[in-house]
Amino acid sequence: RGVHLPFNFTLLAAPWNAAELAPLIAAYEAAI
C-alpha cells in the first residue's frame, strides 16, 4: 500500500567494479 516505485538511487554512487556492483544488485533484489 505504499508507492509503486520507491526510487532506487544505488547506482548513482556505486563503485564501478564487479566486486561491489554485483552484490549491490543482488542485495536490492533481495530487499524488495
Full PDB file with SEQRES, HELIX, SHEET, SSBOND, CRYST1, ORIGX, SCALE, CONECT and MASTER records, all heavy atoms in Angstrom:
SEQRES   1 A   32  ARG GLY VAL HIS LEU PRO PHE ASN PHE THR LEU LEU ALA          
SEQRES   2 A   32  ALA PRO TRP ASN ALA ALA GLU LEU ALA PRO LEU ILE ALA          
SEQRES   3 A   32  ALA TYR GLU ALA ALA ILE                                      
HELIX    1 AA1 THR A   10  LEU A   12  5                                   3    
HELIX    2 AA2 ALA A   18  ALA A   31  1                                  14    
CRYST1    1.000    1.000    1.000  90.00  90.00  90.00 P 1           1          
ORIGX1      1.000000  0.000000  0.000000        0.00000                         
ORIGX2      0.000000  1.000000  0.000000        0.00000                         
ORIGX3      0.000000  0.000000  1.000000        0.00000                         
SCALE1      1.000000  0.000000  0.000000        0.00000                         
SCALE2      0.000000  1.000000  0.000000        0.00000                         
SCALE3      0.000000  0.000000  1.000000        0.00000                         
ATOM      1  N   ARG A   1       0.822  -1.213   0.000  1.00  0.00           N  
ATOM      2  CA  ARG A   1       0.000   0.000   0.000  1.00  0.00           C  
ATOM      3  C   ARG A   1       0.856   1.263   0.000  1.00  0.00           C  
ATOM      4  O   ARG A   1       0.383   2.346   0.338  1.00  0.00           O  
ATOM      5  CB  ARG A   1      -0.939   0.023   1.219  1.00  0.00           C  
ATOM      6  CG  ARG A   1      -1.882  -1.143   1.324  1.00  0.00           C  
ATOM      7  CD  ARG A   1      -2.679  -1.352   0.049  1.00  0.00           C  
ATOM      8  NE  ARG A   1      -3.473  -0.179  -0.279  1.00  0.00           N  
ATOM      9  CZ  ARG A   1      -3.923   0.094  -1.513  1.00  0.00           C  
ATOM     10  NH1 ARG A   1      -3.602  -0.702  -2.516  1.00  0.00           N  
ATOM     11  NH2 ARG A   1      -4.641   1.173  -1.730  1.00  0.00           N  
ATOM     12  N   GLY A   2       2.110   1.135  -0.390  1.00  0.00           N  
ATOM     13  CA  GLY A   2       2.979   2.299  -0.473  1.00  0.00           C  
ATOM     14  C   GLY A   2       3.040   2.843  -1.883  1.00  0.00           C  
ATOM     15  O   GLY A   2       2.116   2.670  -2.680  1.00  0.00           O  
ATOM     16  N   VAL A   3       4.123   3.515  -2.213  1.00  0.00           N  
ATOM     17  CA  VAL A   3       4.313   3.962  -3.588  1.00  0.00           C  
ATOM     18  C   VAL A   3       4.654   2.746  -4.449  1.00  0.00           C  
ATOM     19  O   VAL A   3       5.215   1.761  -3.972  1.00  0.00           O  
ATOM     20  CB  VAL A   3       5.408   5.047  -3.697  1.00  0.00           C  
ATOM     21  CG1 VAL A   3       4.953   6.329  -3.044  1.00  0.00           C  
ATOM     22  CG2 VAL A   3       6.731   4.583  -3.112  1.00  0.00           C  
ATOM     23  N   HIS A   4       4.313   2.822  -5.732  1.00  0.00           N  
ATOM     24  CA  HIS A   4       4.581   1.692  -6.613  1.00  0.00           C  
ATOM     25  C   HIS A   4       6.086   1.501  -6.817  1.00  0.00           C  
ATOM     26  O   HIS A   4       6.575   0.369  -6.870  1.00  0.00           O  
ATOM     27  CB  HIS A   4       3.918   1.919  -7.973  1.00  0.00           C  
ATOM     28  CG  HIS A   4       2.435   2.088  -7.910  1.00  0.00           C  
ATOM     29  ND1 HIS A   4       1.834   3.318  -7.733  1.00  0.00           N  
ATOM     30  CD2 HIS A   4       1.434   1.181  -7.998  1.00  0.00           C  
ATOM     31  CE1 HIS A   4       0.517   3.168  -7.711  1.00  0.00           C  
ATOM     32  NE2 HIS A   4       0.249   1.887  -7.871  1.00  0.00           N  
ATOM     33  N   LEU A   5       6.811   2.623  -6.928  1.00  0.00           N  
ATOM     34  CA  LEU A   5       8.242   2.583  -7.194  1.00  0.00           C  
ATOM     35  C   LEU A   5       8.974   3.545  -6.254  1.00  0.00           C  
ATOM     36  O   LEU A   5       9.083   4.729  -6.536  1.00  0.00           O  
ATOM     37  CB  LEU A   5       8.534   2.967  -8.651  1.00  0.00           C  
ATOM     38  CG  LEU A   5       7.907   2.098  -9.747  1.00  0.00           C  
ATOM     39  CD1 LEU A   5       8.174   2.707 -11.119  1.00  0.00           C  
ATOM     40  CD2 LEU A   5       8.447   0.681  -9.685  1.00  0.00           C  
ATOM     41  N   PRO A   6       9.466   3.072  -5.114  1.00  0.00           N  
ATOM     42  CA  PRO A   6      10.373   3.919  -4.321  1.00  0.00           C  
ATOM     43  C   PRO A   6      11.693   4.020  -5.083  1.00  0.00           C  
ATOM     44  O   PRO A   6      12.330   2.992  -5.350  1.00  0.00           O  
ATOM     45  CB  PRO A   6      10.548   3.139  -3.013  1.00  0.00           C  
ATOM     46  CG  PRO A   6       9.516   2.049  -3.039  1.00  0.00           C  
ATOM     47  CD  PRO A   6       9.225   1.765  -4.477  1.00  0.00           C  
ATOM     48  N   PHE A   7      12.080   5.227  -5.454  1.00  0.00           N  
ATOM     49  CA  PHE A   7      13.250   5.379  -6.314  1.00  0.00           C  
ATOM     50  C   PHE A   7      14.478   4.691  -5.714  1.00  0.00           C  
ATOM     51  O   PHE A   7      14.802   4.880  -4.542  1.00  0.00           O  
ATOM     52  CB  PHE A   7      13.567   6.861  -6.529  1.00  0.00           C  
ATOM     53  CG  PHE A   7      13.239   7.356  -7.911  1.00  0.00           C  
ATOM     54  CD1 PHE A   7      12.746   8.637  -8.088  1.00  0.00           C  
ATOM     55  CD2 PHE A   7      13.437   6.564  -9.030  1.00  0.00           C  
ATOM     56  CE1 PHE A   7      12.445   9.116  -9.358  1.00  0.00           C  
ATOM     57  CE2 PHE A   7      13.140   7.034 -10.303  1.00  0.00           C  
ATOM     58  CZ  PHE A   7      12.639   8.312 -10.464  1.00  0.00           C  
ATOM     59  N   ASN A   8      15.136   3.912  -6.547  1.00  0.00           N  
ATOM     60  CA  ASN A   8      16.359   3.214  -6.156  1.00  0.00           C  
ATOM     61  C   ASN A   8      17.544   3.974  -6.751  1.00  0.00           C  
ATOM     62  O   ASN A   8      17.795   3.913  -7.947  1.00  0.00           O  
ATOM     63  CB  ASN A   8      16.310   1.780  -6.690  1.00  0.00           C  
ATOM     64  CG  ASN A   8      17.658   1.087  -6.648  1.00  0.00           C  
ATOM     65  OD1 ASN A   8      18.524   1.444  -5.845  1.00  0.00           O  
ATOM     66  ND2 ASN A   8      17.845   0.116  -7.521  1.00  0.00           N  
ATOM     67  N   PHE A   9      18.272   4.686  -5.896  1.00  0.00           N  
ATOM     68  CA  PHE A   9      19.370   5.541  -6.351  1.00  0.00           C  
ATOM     69  C   PHE A   9      20.745   4.898  -6.172  1.00  0.00           C  
ATOM     70  O   PHE A   9      21.763   5.581  -6.266  1.00  0.00           O  
ATOM     71  CB  PHE A   9      19.351   6.857  -5.583  1.00  0.00           C  
ATOM     72  CG  PHE A   9      18.118   7.688  -5.818  1.00  0.00           C  
ATOM     73  CD1 PHE A   9      17.305   8.068  -4.753  1.00  0.00           C  
ATOM     74  CD2 PHE A   9      17.770   8.112  -7.087  1.00  0.00           C  
ATOM     75  CE1 PHE A   9      16.181   8.849  -4.955  1.00  0.00           C  
ATOM     76  CE2 PHE A   9      16.651   8.882  -7.305  1.00  0.00           C  
ATOM     77  CZ  PHE A   9      15.853   9.253  -6.242  1.00  0.00           C  
ATOM     78  N   THR A  10      20.805   3.601  -5.890  1.00  0.00           N  
ATOM     79  CA  THR A  10      22.071   2.997  -5.513  1.00  0.00           C  
ATOM     80  C   THR A  10      23.136   3.097  -6.605  1.00  0.00           C  
ATOM     81  O   THR A  10      24.326   3.179  -6.305  1.00  0.00           O  
ATOM     82  CB  THR A  10      21.884   1.524  -5.126  1.00  0.00           C  
ATOM     83  OG1 THR A  10      21.182   0.838  -6.172  1.00  0.00           O  
ATOM     84  CG2 THR A  10      21.085   1.397  -3.841  1.00  0.00           C  
ATOM     85  N   LEU A  11      22.727   3.096  -7.878  1.00  0.00           N  
ATOM     86  CA  LEU A  11      23.720   3.174  -8.956  1.00  0.00           C  
ATOM     87  C   LEU A  11      24.346   4.561  -9.081  1.00  0.00           C  
ATOM     88  O   LEU A  11      25.385   4.709  -9.729  1.00  0.00           O  
ATOM     89  CB  LEU A  11      23.079   2.796 -10.297  1.00  0.00           C  
ATOM     90  CG  LEU A  11      22.669   1.341 -10.490  1.00  0.00           C  
ATOM     91  CD1 LEU A  11      22.079   1.142 -11.889  1.00  0.00           C  
ATOM     92  CD2 LEU A  11      23.844   0.392 -10.275  1.00  0.00           C  
ATOM     93  N   LEU A  12      23.719   5.574  -8.483  1.00  0.00           N  
ATOM     94  CA  LEU A  12      24.236   6.939  -8.621  1.00  0.00           C  
ATOM     95  C   LEU A  12      25.599   7.112  -7.964  1.00  0.00           C  
ATOM     96  O   LEU A  12      26.391   7.961  -8.388  1.00  0.00           O  
ATOM     97  CB  LEU A  12      23.253   7.949  -8.021  1.00  0.00           C  
ATOM     98  CG  LEU A  12      21.899   8.086  -8.718  1.00  0.00           C  
ATOM     99  CD1 LEU A  12      21.035   9.098  -7.983  1.00  0.00           C  
ATOM    100  CD2 LEU A  12      22.059   8.494 -10.175  1.00  0.00           C  
ATOM    101  N   ALA A  13      25.845   6.334  -6.933  1.00  0.00           N  
ATOM    102  CA  ALA A  13      27.122   6.482  -6.219  1.00  0.00           C  
ATOM    103  C   ALA A  13      27.857   5.156  -6.077  1.00  0.00           C  
ATOM    104  O   ALA A  13      28.832   5.071  -5.336  1.00  0.00           O  
ATOM    105  CB  ALA A  13      26.868   7.081  -4.835  1.00  0.00           C  
ATOM    106  N   ALA A  14      27.410   4.130  -6.793  1.00  0.00           N  
ATOM    107  CA  ALA A  14      28.016   2.806  -6.638  1.00  0.00           C  
ATOM    108  C   ALA A  14      29.433   2.780  -7.193  1.00  0.00           C  
ATOM    109  O   ALA A  14      29.685   3.290  -8.285  1.00  0.00           O  
ATOM    110  CB  ALA A  14      27.169   1.767  -7.362  1.00  0.00           C  
ATOM    111  N   PRO A  15      30.390   2.202  -6.464  1.00  0.00           N  
ATOM    112  CA  PRO A  15      31.725   1.991  -7.030  1.00  0.00           C  
ATOM    113  C   PRO A  15      31.593   1.135  -8.291  1.00  0.00           C  
ATOM    114  O   PRO A  15      30.888   0.116  -8.283  1.00  0.00           O  
ATOM    115  CB  PRO A  15      32.466   1.238  -5.924  1.00  0.00           C  
ATOM    116  CG  PRO A  15      31.705   1.551  -4.674  1.00  0.00           C  
ATOM    117  CD  PRO A  15      30.283   1.707  -5.088  1.00  0.00           C  
ATOM    118  N   TRP A  16      32.263   1.541  -9.359  1.00  0.00           N  
ATOM    119  CA  TRP A  16      32.062   0.881 -10.648  1.00  0.00           C  
ATOM    120  C   TRP A  16      33.044  -0.280 -10.814  1.00  0.00           C  
ATOM    121  O   TRP A  16      33.968  -0.246 -11.599  1.00  0.00           O  
ATOM    122  CB  TRP A  16      32.195   1.892 -11.779  1.00  0.00           C  
ATOM    123  CG  TRP A  16      31.491   1.437 -13.028  1.00  0.00           C  
ATOM    124  CD1 TRP A  16      32.066   1.021 -14.196  1.00  0.00           C  
ATOM    125  CD2 TRP A  16      30.084   1.332 -13.226  1.00  0.00           C  
ATOM    126  NE1 TRP A  16      31.092   0.661 -15.094  1.00  0.00           N  
ATOM    127  CE2 TRP A  16      29.862   0.841 -14.529  1.00  0.00           C  
ATOM    128  CE3 TRP A  16      28.974   1.593 -12.423  1.00  0.00           C  
ATOM    129  CZ2 TRP A  16      28.590   0.624 -15.059  1.00  0.00           C  
ATOM    130  CZ3 TRP A  16      27.706   1.367 -12.935  1.00  0.00           C  
ATOM    131  CH2 TRP A  16      27.528   0.893 -14.241  1.00  0.00           C  
ATOM    132  N   ASN A  17      32.796  -1.328 -10.029  1.00  0.00           N  
ATOM    133  CA  ASN A  17      33.589  -2.546 -10.174  1.00  0.00           C  
ATOM    134  C   ASN A  17      32.709  -3.727  -9.816  1.00  0.00           C  
ATOM    135  O   ASN A  17      31.734  -3.605  -9.062  1.00  0.00           O  
ATOM    136  CB  ASN A  17      34.852  -2.507  -9.308  1.00  0.00           C  
ATOM    137  CG  ASN A  17      34.539  -2.365  -7.833  1.00  0.00           C  
ATOM    138  OD1 ASN A  17      34.062  -3.314  -7.209  1.00  0.00           O  
ATOM    139  ND2 ASN A  17      34.790  -1.190  -7.269  1.00  0.00           N  
ATOM    140  N   ALA A  18      33.062  -4.895 -10.367  1.00  0.00           N  
ATOM    141  CA  ALA A  18      32.220  -6.078 -10.220  1.00  0.00           C  
ATOM    142  C   ALA A  18      32.078  -6.496  -8.759  1.00  0.00           C  
ATOM    143  O   ALA A  18      31.012  -6.941  -8.330  1.00  0.00           O  
ATOM    144  CB  ALA A  18      32.782  -7.229 -11.047  1.00  0.00           C  
ATOM    145  N   ALA A  19      33.147  -6.335  -7.978  1.00  0.00           N  
ATOM    146  CA  ALA A  19      33.137  -6.809  -6.597  1.00  0.00           C  
ATOM    147  C   ALA A  19      32.086  -6.098  -5.753  1.00  0.00           C  
ATOM    148  O   ALA A  19      31.574  -6.662  -4.783  1.00  0.00           O  
ATOM    149  CB  ALA A  19      34.515  -6.620  -5.970  1.00  0.00           C  
ATOM    150  N   GLU A  20      31.757  -4.855  -6.116  1.00  0.00           N  
ATOM    151  CA  GLU A  20      30.766  -4.121  -5.327  1.00  0.00           C  
ATOM    152  C   GLU A  20      29.439  -3.984  -6.058  1.00  0.00           C  
ATOM    153  O   GLU A  20      28.380  -3.965  -5.418  1.00  0.00           O  
ATOM    154  CB  GLU A  20      31.324  -2.742  -4.963  1.00  0.00           C  
ATOM    155  CG  GLU A  20      32.601  -2.840  -4.147  1.00  0.00           C  
ATOM    156  CD  GLU A  20      32.863  -1.616  -3.306  1.00  0.00           C  
ATOM    157  OE1 GLU A  20      31.921  -1.137  -2.645  1.00  0.00           O  
ATOM    158  OE2 GLU A  20      33.998  -1.149  -3.313  1.00  0.00           O  
ATOM    159  N   LEU A  21      29.481  -3.900  -7.377  1.00  0.00           N  
ATOM    160  CA  LEU A  21      28.252  -3.687  -8.130  1.00  0.00           C  
ATOM    161  C   LEU A  21      27.355  -4.916  -8.105  1.00  0.00           C  
ATOM    162  O   LEU A  21      26.139  -4.810  -7.878  1.00  0.00           O  
ATOM    163  CB  LEU A  21      28.591  -3.313  -9.571  1.00  0.00           C  
ATOM    164  CG  LEU A  21      27.490  -2.656 -10.392  1.00  0.00           C  
ATOM    165  CD1 LEU A  21      27.012  -1.368  -9.747  1.00  0.00           C  
ATOM    166  CD2 LEU A  21      27.990  -2.376 -11.813  1.00  0.00           C  
ATOM    167  N   ALA A  22      27.927  -6.091  -8.305  1.00  0.00           N  
ATOM    168  CA  ALA A  22      27.127  -7.318  -8.344  1.00  0.00           C  
ATOM    169  C   ALA A  22      26.428  -7.587  -7.005  1.00  0.00           C  
ATOM    170  O   ALA A  22      25.218  -7.870  -6.981  1.00  0.00           O  
ATOM    171  CB  ALA A  22      27.993  -8.506  -8.757  1.00  0.00           C  
ATOM    172  N   PRO A  23      27.117  -7.491  -5.865  1.00  0.00           N  
ATOM    173  CA  PRO A  23      26.413  -7.681  -4.588  1.00  0.00           C  
ATOM    174  C   PRO A  23      25.332  -6.627  -4.337  1.00  0.00           C  
ATOM    175  O   PRO A  23      24.307  -6.920  -3.720  1.00  0.00           O  
ATOM    176  CB  PRO A  23      27.530  -7.580  -3.541  1.00  0.00           C  
ATOM    177  CG  PRO A  23      28.782  -7.878  -4.279  1.00  0.00           C  
ATOM    178  CD  PRO A  23      28.569  -7.369  -5.661  1.00  0.00           C  
ATOM    179  N   LEU A  24      25.574  -5.406  -4.824  1.00  0.00           N  
ATOM    180  CA  LEU A  24      24.572  -4.354  -4.659  1.00  0.00           C  
ATOM    181  C   LEU A  24      23.278  -4.726  -5.382  1.00  0.00           C  
ATOM    182  O   LEU A  24      22.175  -4.572  -4.829  1.00  0.00           O  
ATOM    183  CB  LEU A  24      25.131  -3.036  -5.198  1.00  0.00           C  
ATOM    184  CG  LEU A  24      24.292  -1.774  -5.126  1.00  0.00           C  
ATOM    185  CD1 LEU A  24      25.186  -0.551  -5.079  1.00  0.00           C  
ATOM    186  CD2 LEU A  24      23.352  -1.653  -6.322  1.00  0.00           C  
ATOM    187  N   ILE A  25      23.407  -5.214  -6.617  1.00  0.00           N  
ATOM    188  CA  ILE A  25      22.227  -5.612  -7.389  1.00  0.00           C  
ATOM    189  C   ILE A  25      21.490  -6.742  -6.673  1.00  0.00           C  
ATOM    190  O   ILE A  25      20.272  -6.724  -6.522  1.00  0.00           O  
ATOM    191  CB  ILE A  25      22.632  -6.033  -8.817  1.00  0.00           C  
ATOM    192  CG1 ILE A  25      23.218  -4.848  -9.582  1.00  0.00           C  
ATOM    193  CG2 ILE A  25      21.425  -6.609  -9.576  1.00  0.00           C  
ATOM    194  CD1 ILE A  25      23.929  -5.234 -10.879  1.00  0.00           C  
ATOM    195  N   ALA A  26      22.244  -7.726  -6.209  1.00  0.00           N  
ATOM    196  CA  ALA A  26      21.641  -8.866  -5.520  1.00  0.00           C  
ATOM    197  C   ALA A  26      20.970  -8.434  -4.221  1.00  0.00           C  
ATOM    198  O   ALA A  26      19.877  -8.916  -3.874  1.00  0.00           O  
ATOM    199  CB  ALA A  26      22.697  -9.934  -5.246  1.00  0.00           C  
ATOM    200  N   ALA A  27      21.608  -7.516  -3.486  1.00  0.00           N  
ATOM    201  CA  ALA A  27      21.034  -7.047  -2.222  1.00  0.00           C  
ATOM    202  C   ALA A  27      19.734  -6.289  -2.451  1.00  0.00           C  
ATOM    203  O   ALA A  27      18.774  -6.423  -1.679  1.00  0.00           O  
ATOM    204  CB  ALA A  27      22.048  -6.150  -1.500  1.00  0.00           C  
ATOM    205  N   TYR A  28      19.698  -5.493  -3.508  1.00  0.00           N  
ATOM    206  CA  TYR A  28      18.469  -4.766  -3.827  1.00  0.00           C  
ATOM    207  C   TYR A  28      17.349  -5.732  -4.200  1.00  0.00           C  
ATOM    208  O   TYR A  28      16.216  -5.620  -3.718  1.00  0.00           O  
ATOM    209  CB  TYR A  28      18.731  -3.779  -4.954  1.00  0.00           C  
ATOM    210  CG  TYR A  28      17.503  -3.051  -5.454  1.00  0.00           C  
ATOM    211  CD1 TYR A  28      16.760  -2.234  -4.611  1.00  0.00           C  
ATOM    212  CD2 TYR A  28      17.091  -3.185  -6.777  1.00  0.00           C  
ATOM    213  CE1 TYR A  28      15.638  -1.570  -5.076  1.00  0.00           C  
ATOM    214  CE2 TYR A  28      15.973  -2.520  -7.250  1.00  0.00           C  
ATOM    215  CZ  TYR A  28      15.244  -1.712  -6.393  1.00  0.00           C  
ATOM    216  OH  TYR A  28      14.126  -1.056  -6.855  1.00  0.00           O  
ATOM    217  N   GLU A  29      17.668  -6.709  -5.052  1.00  0.00           N  
ATOM    218  CA  GLU A  29      16.674  -7.715  -5.424  1.00  0.00           C  
ATOM    219  C   GLU A  29      16.134  -8.418  -4.175  1.00  0.00           C  
ATOM    220  O   GLU A  29      14.934  -8.666  -4.054  1.00  0.00           O  
ATOM    221  CB  GLU A  29      17.284  -8.734  -6.382  1.00  0.00           C  
ATOM    222  CG  GLU A  29      17.390  -8.265  -7.821  1.00  0.00           C  
ATOM    223  CD  GLU A  29      16.087  -8.459  -8.577  1.00  0.00           C  
ATOM    224  OE1 GLU A  29      15.173  -9.129  -8.049  1.00  0.00           O  
ATOM    225  OE2 GLU A  29      15.969  -7.939  -9.709  1.00  0.00           O  
ATOM    226  N   ALA A  30      17.020  -8.741  -3.245  1.00  0.00           N  
ATOM    227  CA  ALA A  30      16.607  -9.453  -2.034  1.00  0.00           C  
ATOM    228  C   ALA A  30      15.777  -8.582  -1.101  1.00  0.00           C  
ATOM    229  O   ALA A  30      14.949  -9.088  -0.341  1.00  0.00           O  
ATOM    230  CB  ALA A  30      17.844  -9.974  -1.300  1.00  0.00           C  
ATOM    231  N   ALA A  31      15.996  -7.269  -1.159  1.00  0.00           N  
ATOM    232  CA  ALA A  31      15.310  -6.361  -0.241  1.00  0.00           C  
ATOM    233  C   ALA A  31      13.869  -6.066  -0.659  1.00  0.00           C  
ATOM    234  O   ALA A  31      13.047  -5.668   0.172  1.00  0.00           O  
ATOM    235  CB  ALA A  31      16.089  -5.051  -0.139  1.00  0.00           C  
ATOM    236  N   ILE A  32      13.564  -6.236  -1.925  1.00  0.00           N  
ATOM    237  CA  ILE A  32      12.233  -5.880  -2.422  1.00  0.00           C  
ATOM    238  C   ILE A  32      11.197  -6.844  -1.859  1.00  0.00           C  
ATOM    239  O   ILE A  32      11.345  -8.064  -1.978  1.00  0.00           O  
ATOM    240  CB  ILE A  32      12.207  -5.901  -3.965  1.00  0.00           C  
ATOM    241  CG1 ILE A  32      13.147  -4.835  -4.512  1.00  0.00           C  
ATOM    242  CG2 ILE A  32      10.797  -5.663  -4.499  1.00  0.00           C  
ATOM    243  CD1 ILE A  32      13.410  -4.957  -5.993  1.00  0.00           C  
TER     244      ILE A  32                                                      
MASTER        0    0    0    2    0    0    0    6  243    1    0    3          
END                                                                             
